[in-house]
């Protein structure tokens, strides 16, 4: 039961990280009229963070403890 509790704590932490990364102050930093590899900076940031959160969630849920 301890491993489930640790996993839940990590998932809550991941949720809070996602909340902070998708919050207004950080999004406004990337809301510029610049493009990176032809992709607007804000869209690249949003999708990059989204992919990062999905990968971290997969690592947390599939981890054997």
PDB file of N, CA and C in Angstrom:
ATOM      1  N   UNK A   1       0.815  -1.193   0.000  1.00  0.00           N
ATOM      2  CA  UNK A   1       0.000   0.000   0.000  1.00  0.00           C
ATOM      3  C   UNK A   1       0.861   1.260   0.000  1.00  0.00           C
ATOM      4  N   UNK A   2       2.080   1.151   0.476  1.00  0.00           N
ATOM      5  CA  UNK A   2       2.961   2.314   0.511  1.00  0.00           C
ATOM      6  C   UNK A   2       3.307   2.760  -0.889  1.00  0.00           C
ATOM      7  N   UNK A   3       3.499   1.824  -1.822  1.00  0.00           N
ATOM      8  CA  UNK A   3       3.856   2.205  -3.181  1.00  0.00           C
ATOM      9  C   UNK A   3       2.726   2.967  -3.856  1.00  0.00           C
ATOM     10  N   UNK A   4       1.477   2.578  -3.588  1.00  0.00           N
ATOM     11  CA  UNK A   4       0.350   3.313  -4.160  1.00  0.00           C
ATOM     12  C   UNK A   4       0.283   4.733  -3.631  1.00  0.00           C
ATOM     13  N   UNK A   5       0.619   4.904  -2.359  1.00  0.00           N
ATOM     14  CA  UNK A   5       0.616   6.241  -1.769  1.00  0.00           C
ATOM     15  C   UNK A   5       1.696   7.112  -2.392  1.00  0.00           C
ATOM     16  N   UNK A   6       2.886   6.542  -2.600  1.00  0.00           N
ATOM     17  CA  UNK A   6       3.962   7.303  -3.248  1.00  0.00           C
ATOM     18  C   UNK A   6       3.589   7.661  -4.678  1.00  0.00           C
ATOM     19  N   UNK A   7       2.968   6.735  -5.382  1.00  0.00           N
ATOM     20  CA  UNK A   7       2.554   6.994  -6.751  1.00  0.00           C
ATOM     21  C   UNK A   7       1.513   8.113  -6.792  1.00  0.00           C
ATOM     22  N   UNK A   8       0.580   8.090  -5.847  1.00  0.00           N
ATOM     23  CA  UNK A   8      -0.429   9.141  -5.796  1.00  0.00           C
ATOM     24  C   UNK A   8       0.197  10.503  -5.513  1.00  0.00           C
ATOM     25  N   UNK A   9       1.167  10.540  -4.622  1.00  0.00           N
ATOM     26  CA  UNK A   9       1.854  11.797  -4.316  1.00  0.00           C
ATOM     27  C   UNK A   9       2.587  12.325  -5.536  1.00  0.00           C
ATOM     28  N   UNK A  10       3.213  11.434  -6.279  1.00  0.00           N
ATOM     29  CA  UNK A  10       3.928  11.860  -7.496  1.00  0.00           C
ATOM     30  C   UNK A  10       2.956  12.372  -8.555  1.00  0.00           C
ATOM     31  N   UNK A  11       1.810  11.714  -8.686  1.00  0.00           N
ATOM     32  CA  UNK A  11       0.823  12.168  -9.661  1.00  0.00           C
ATOM     33  C   UNK A  11       0.225  13.521  -9.277  1.00  0.00           C
ATOM     34  N   UNK A  12       0.010  13.742  -7.992  1.00  0.00           N
ATOM     35  CA  UNK A  12      -0.472  15.052  -7.543  1.00  0.00           C
ATOM     36  C   UNK A  12       0.591  16.113  -7.813  1.00  0.00           C
ATOM     37  N   UNK A  13       1.844  15.786  -7.562  1.00  0.00           N
ATOM     38  CA  UNK A  13       2.939  16.704  -7.866  1.00  0.00           C
ATOM     39  C   UNK A  13       3.028  17.009  -9.350  1.00  0.00           C
ATOM     40  N   UNK A  14       2.804  15.998 -10.176  1.00  0.00           N
ATOM     41  CA  UNK A  14       2.818  16.194 -11.622  1.00  0.00           C
ATOM     42  C   UNK A  14       1.659  17.088 -12.059  1.00  0.00           C
ATOM     43  N   UNK A  15       0.497  16.898 -11.442  1.00  0.00           N
ATOM     44  CA  UNK A  15      -0.636  17.774 -11.730  1.00  0.00           C
ATOM     45  C   UNK A  15      -0.318  19.227 -11.383  1.00  0.00           C
ATOM     46  N   UNK A  16       0.282  19.439 -10.210  1.00  0.00           N
ATOM     47  CA  UNK A  16       0.636  20.802  -9.808  1.00  0.00           C
ATOM     48  C   UNK A  16       1.686  21.406 -10.733  1.00  0.00           C
ATOM     49  N   UNK A  17       2.635  20.596 -11.183  1.00  0.00           N
ATOM     50  CA  UNK A  17       3.620  21.081 -12.144  1.00  0.00           C
ATOM     51  C   UNK A  17       2.941  21.495 -13.448  1.00  0.00           C
ATOM     52  N   UNK A  18       2.023  20.672 -13.926  1.00  0.00           N
ATOM     53  CA  UNK A  18       1.291  21.017 -15.141  1.00  0.00           C
ATOM     54  C   UNK A  18       0.466  22.273 -14.967  1.00  0.00           C
ATOM     55  N   UNK A  19      -0.146  22.426 -13.799  1.00  0.00           N
ATOM     56  CA  UNK A  19      -0.924  23.632 -13.519  1.00  0.00           C
ATOM     57  C   UNK A  19      -0.032  24.868 -13.575  1.00  0.00           C
ATOM     58  N   UNK A  20       1.149  24.781 -12.989  1.00  0.00           N
ATOM     59  CA  UNK A  20       2.057  25.922 -13.007  1.00  0.00           C
ATOM     60  C   UNK A  20       2.570  26.220 -14.413  1.00  0.00           C
ATOM     61  N   UNK A  21       2.886  25.167 -15.178  1.00  0.00           N
ATOM     62  CA  UNK A  21       3.437  25.380 -16.515  1.00  0.00           C
ATOM     63  C   UNK A  21       2.398  25.908 -17.501  1.00  0.00           C
ATOM     64  N   UNK A  22       1.119  25.627 -17.271  1.00  0.00           N
ATOM     65  CA  UNK A  22       0.067  26.122 -18.158  1.00  0.00           C
ATOM     66  C   UNK A  22      -0.636  27.346 -17.591  1.00  0.00           C
ATOM     67  N   UNK A  23      -0.090  27.945 -16.546  1.00  0.00           N
ATOM     68  CA  UNK A  23      -0.696  29.110 -15.928  1.00  0.00           C
ATOM     69  C   UNK A  23      -0.324  30.372 -16.710  1.00  0.00           C
ATOM     70  N   UNK A  24      -1.081  31.430 -16.506  1.00  0.00           N
ATOM     71  CA  UNK A  24      -0.929  32.655 -17.286  1.00  0.00           C
ATOM     72  C   UNK A  24       0.473  33.271 -17.271  1.00  0.00           C
ATOM     73  N   UNK A  25       1.145  33.445 -16.141  1.00  0.00           N
ATOM     74  CA  UNK A  25       2.445  34.135 -16.216  1.00  0.00           C
ATOM     75  C   UNK A  25       3.459  33.449 -17.129  1.00  0.00           C
ATOM     76  N   UNK A  26       3.520  32.127 -17.099  1.00  0.00           N
ATOM     77  CA  UNK A  26       4.478  31.439 -17.973  1.00  0.00           C
ATOM     78  C   UNK A  26       4.025  31.448 -19.428  1.00  0.00           C
ATOM     79  N   UNK A  27       2.744  31.306 -19.656  1.00  0.00           N
ATOM     80  CA  UNK A  27       2.259  31.354 -21.039  1.00  0.00           C
ATOM     81  C   UNK A  27       2.505  32.710 -21.665  1.00  0.00           C
ATOM     82  N   UNK A  28       2.387  33.771 -20.890  1.00  0.00           N
ATOM     83  CA  UNK A  28       2.606  35.107 -21.450  1.00  0.00           C
ATOM     84  C   UNK A  28       4.072  35.339 -21.814  1.00  0.00           C
ATOM     85  N   UNK A  29       4.991  34.606 -21.172  1.00  0.00           N
ATOM     86  CA  UNK A  29       6.403  34.730 -21.544  1.00  0.00           C
ATOM     87  C   UNK A  29       6.665  34.196 -22.947  1.00  0.00           C
ATOM     88  N   UNK A  30       5.889  33.201 -23.368  1.00  0.00           N
ATOM     89  CA  UNK A  30       6.101  32.572 -24.665  1.00  0.00           C
ATOM     90  C   UNK A  30       5.160  33.103 -25.743  1.00  0.00           C
ATOM     91  N   UNK A  31       4.322  34.063 -25.413  1.00  0.00           N
ATOM     92  CA  UNK A  31       3.384  34.625 -26.377  1.00  0.00           C
ATOM     93  C   UNK A  31       4.073  35.743 -27.153  1.00  0.00           C
ATOM     94  N   UNK A  32       4.997  35.371 -28.005  1.00  0.00           N
ATOM     95  CA  UNK A  32       5.761  36.317 -28.818  1.00  0.00           C
ATOM     96  C   UNK A  32       5.523  36.011 -30.293  1.00  0.00           C
ATOM     97  N   UNK A  33       5.817  36.957 -31.127  1.00  0.00           N
ATOM     98  CA  UNK A  33       5.647  36.781 -32.570  1.00  0.00           C
ATOM     99  C   UNK A  33       6.901  36.154 -33.192  1.00  0.00           C
ATOM    100  N   UNK A  34       7.412  35.121 -32.575  1.00  0.00           N
ATOM    101  CA  UNK A  34       8.596  34.433 -33.081  1.00  0.00           C
ATOM    102  C   UNK A  34       8.239  33.011 -33.454  1.00  0.00           C
ATOM    103  N   UNK A  35       9.012  32.472 -34.389  1.00  0.00           N
ATOM    104  CA  UNK A  35       8.812  31.090 -34.803  1.00  0.00           C
ATOM    105  C   UNK A  35      10.108  30.321 -34.625  1.00  0.00           C
ATOM    106  N   UNK A  36       9.962  29.069 -34.198  1.00  0.00           N
ATOM    107  CA  UNK A  36      11.101  28.157 -34.065  1.00  0.00           C
ATOM    108  C   UNK A  36      10.806  26.974 -34.965  1.00  0.00           C
ATOM    109  N   UNK A  37      11.644  26.786 -35.965  1.00  0.00           N
ATOM    110  CA  UNK A  37      11.460  25.736 -36.965  1.00  0.00           C
ATOM    111  C   UNK A  37      10.100  25.859 -37.655  1.00  0.00           C
ATOM    112  N   UNK A  38       9.629  27.081 -37.830  1.00  0.00           N
ATOM    113  CA  UNK A  38       8.370  27.324 -38.508  1.00  0.00           C
ATOM    114  C   UNK A  38       7.136  27.190 -37.640  1.00  0.00           C
ATOM    115  N   UNK A  39       7.313  26.909 -36.357  1.00  0.00           N
ATOM    116  CA  UNK A  39       6.189  26.748 -35.428  1.00  0.00           C
ATOM    117  C   UNK A  39       6.180  27.962 -34.499  1.00  0.00           C
ATOM    118  N   UNK A  40       5.016  28.593 -34.307  1.00  0.00           N
ATOM    119  CA  UNK A  40       4.972  29.708 -33.362  1.00  0.00           C
ATOM    120  C   UNK A  40       5.441  29.275 -31.971  1.00  0.00           C
ATOM    121  N   UNK A  41       6.137  30.159 -31.297  1.00  0.00           N
ATOM    122  CA  UNK A  41       6.772  29.827 -30.018  1.00  0.00           C
ATOM    123  C   UNK A  41       5.761  29.360 -28.976  1.00  0.00           C
ATOM    124  N   UNK A  42       4.609  30.004 -28.902  1.00  0.00           N
ATOM    125  CA  UNK A  42       3.604  29.621 -27.910  1.00  0.00           C
ATOM    126  C   UNK A  42       3.088  28.216 -28.164  1.00  0.00           C
ATOM    127  N   UNK A  43       2.806  27.880 -29.420  1.00  0.00           N
ATOM    128  CA  UNK A  43       2.314  26.533 -29.738  1.00  0.00           C
ATOM    129  C   UNK A  43       3.365  25.478 -29.446  1.00  0.00           C
ATOM    130  N   UNK A  44       4.614  25.774 -29.764  1.00  0.00           N
ATOM    131  CA  UNK A  44       5.696  24.841 -29.462  1.00  0.00           C
ATOM    132  C   UNK A  44       5.833  24.602 -27.970  1.00  0.00           C
ATOM    133  N   UNK A  45       5.699  25.671 -27.181  1.00  0.00           N
ATOM    134  CA  UNK A  45       5.775  25.528 -25.729  1.00  0.00           C
ATOM    135  C   UNK A  45       4.629  24.673 -25.205  1.00  0.00           C
ATOM    136  N   UNK A  46       3.406  24.967 -25.647  1.00  0.00           N
ATOM    137  CA  UNK A  46       2.241  24.222 -25.164  1.00  0.00           C
ATOM    138  C   UNK A  46       2.362  22.736 -25.489  1.00  0.00           C
ATOM    139  N   UNK A  47       2.676  22.411 -26.739  1.00  0.00           N
ATOM    140  CA  UNK A  47       2.765  21.002 -27.108  1.00  0.00           C
ATOM    141  C   UNK A  47       3.988  20.324 -26.501  1.00  0.00           C
ATOM    142  N   UNK A  48       5.083  21.045 -26.334  1.00  0.00           N
ATOM    143  CA  UNK A  48       6.261  20.474 -25.686  1.00  0.00           C
ATOM    144  C   UNK A  48       6.011  20.120 -24.230  1.00  0.00           C
ATOM    145  N   UNK A  49       5.354  21.025 -23.503  1.00  0.00           N
ATOM    146  CA  UNK A  49       5.024  20.757 -22.105  1.00  0.00           C
ATOM    147  C   UNK A  49       4.015  19.628 -22.012  1.00  0.00           C
ATOM    148  N   UNK A  50       3.056  19.612 -22.923  1.00  0.00           N
ATOM    149  CA  UNK A  50       2.042  18.560 -22.929  1.00  0.00           C
ATOM    150  C   UNK A  50       2.694  17.184 -23.112  1.00  0.00           C
ATOM    151  N   UNK A  51       3.599  17.075 -24.065  1.00  0.00           N
ATOM    152  CA  UNK A  51       4.300  15.810 -24.302  1.00  0.00           C
ATOM    153  C   UNK A  51       5.150  15.437 -23.088  1.00  0.00           C
ATOM    154  N   UNK A  52       5.820  16.416 -22.489  1.00  0.00           N
ATOM    155  CA  UNK A  52       6.627  16.159 -21.299  1.00  0.00           C
ATOM    156  C   UNK A  52       5.774  15.616 -20.163  1.00  0.00           C
ATOM    157  N   UNK A  53       4.602  16.197 -19.935  1.00  0.00           N
ATOM    158  CA  UNK A  53       3.724  15.720 -18.864  1.00  0.00           C
ATOM    159  C   UNK A  53       3.215  14.307 -19.139  1.00  0.00           C
ATOM    160  N   UNK A  54       2.907  14.000 -20.393  1.00  0.00           N
ATOM    161  CA  UNK A  54       2.456  12.654 -20.742  1.00  0.00           C
ATOM    162  C   UNK A  54       3.561  11.634 -20.504  1.00  0.00           C
ATOM    163  N   UNK A  55       4.779  11.968 -20.890  1.00  0.00           N
ATOM    164  CA  UNK A  55       5.906  11.049 -20.689  1.00  0.00           C
ATOM    165  C   UNK A  55       6.165  10.842 -19.195  1.00  0.00           C
ATOM    166  N   UNK A  56       6.141  11.917 -18.429  1.00  0.00           N
ATOM    167  CA  UNK A  56       6.350  11.777 -16.985  1.00  0.00           C
ATOM    168  C   UNK A  56       5.243  10.970 -16.336  1.00  0.00           C
ATOM    169  N   UNK A  57       4.006  11.134 -16.792  1.00  0.00           N
ATOM    170  CA  UNK A  57       2.904  10.350 -16.242  1.00  0.00           C
ATOM    171  C   UNK A  57       3.073   8.873 -16.574  1.00  0.00           C
ATOM    172  N   UNK A  58       3.527   8.579 -17.777  1.00  0.00           N
ATOM    173  CA  UNK A  58       3.761   7.182 -18.158  1.00  0.00           C
ATOM    174  C   UNK A  58       4.868   6.571 -17.314  1.00  0.00           C
ATOM    175  N   UNK A  59       5.910   7.338 -17.043  1.00  0.00           N
ATOM    176  CA  UNK A  59       7.004   6.832 -16.221  1.00  0.00           C
ATOM    177  C   UNK A  59       6.520   6.563 -14.800  1.00  0.00           C
ATOM    178  N   UNK A  60       5.732   7.482 -14.263  1.00  0.00           N
ATOM    179  CA  UNK A  60       5.245   7.316 -12.882  1.00  0.00           C
ATOM    180  C   UNK A  60       4.311   6.119 -12.762  1.00  0.00           C
ATOM    181  N   UNK A  61       3.389   5.967 -13.701  1.00  0.00           N
ATOM    182  CA  UNK A  61       2.392   4.897 -13.568  1.00  0.00           C
ATOM    183  C   UNK A  61       2.956   3.526 -13.908  1.00  0.00           C
ATOM    184  N   UNK A  62       3.981   3.434 -14.744  1.00  0.00           N
ATOM    185  CA  UNK A  62       4.529   2.137 -15.123  1.00  0.00           C
ATOM    186  C   UNK A  62       5.715   1.719 -14.281  1.00  0.00           C
ATOM    187  N   UNK A  63       6.116   2.543 -13.357  1.00  0.00           N
ATOM    188  CA  UNK A  63       7.297   2.265 -12.549  1.00  0.00           C
ATOM    189  C   UNK A  63       6.986   1.170 -11.517  1.00  0.00           C
ATOM    190  N   UNK A  64       7.866   0.205 -11.431  1.00  0.00           N
ATOM    191  CA  UNK A  64       7.745  -0.876 -10.449  1.00  0.00           C
ATOM    192  C   UNK A  64       8.467  -0.470  -9.192  1.00  0.00           C
ATOM    193  N   UNK A  65       7.784  -0.532  -8.058  1.00  0.00           N
ATOM    194  CA  UNK A  65       8.446  -0.187  -6.781  1.00  0.00           C
ATOM    195  C   UNK A  65       8.407  -1.345  -5.835  1.00  0.00           C
TER     196      UNK A  65
END
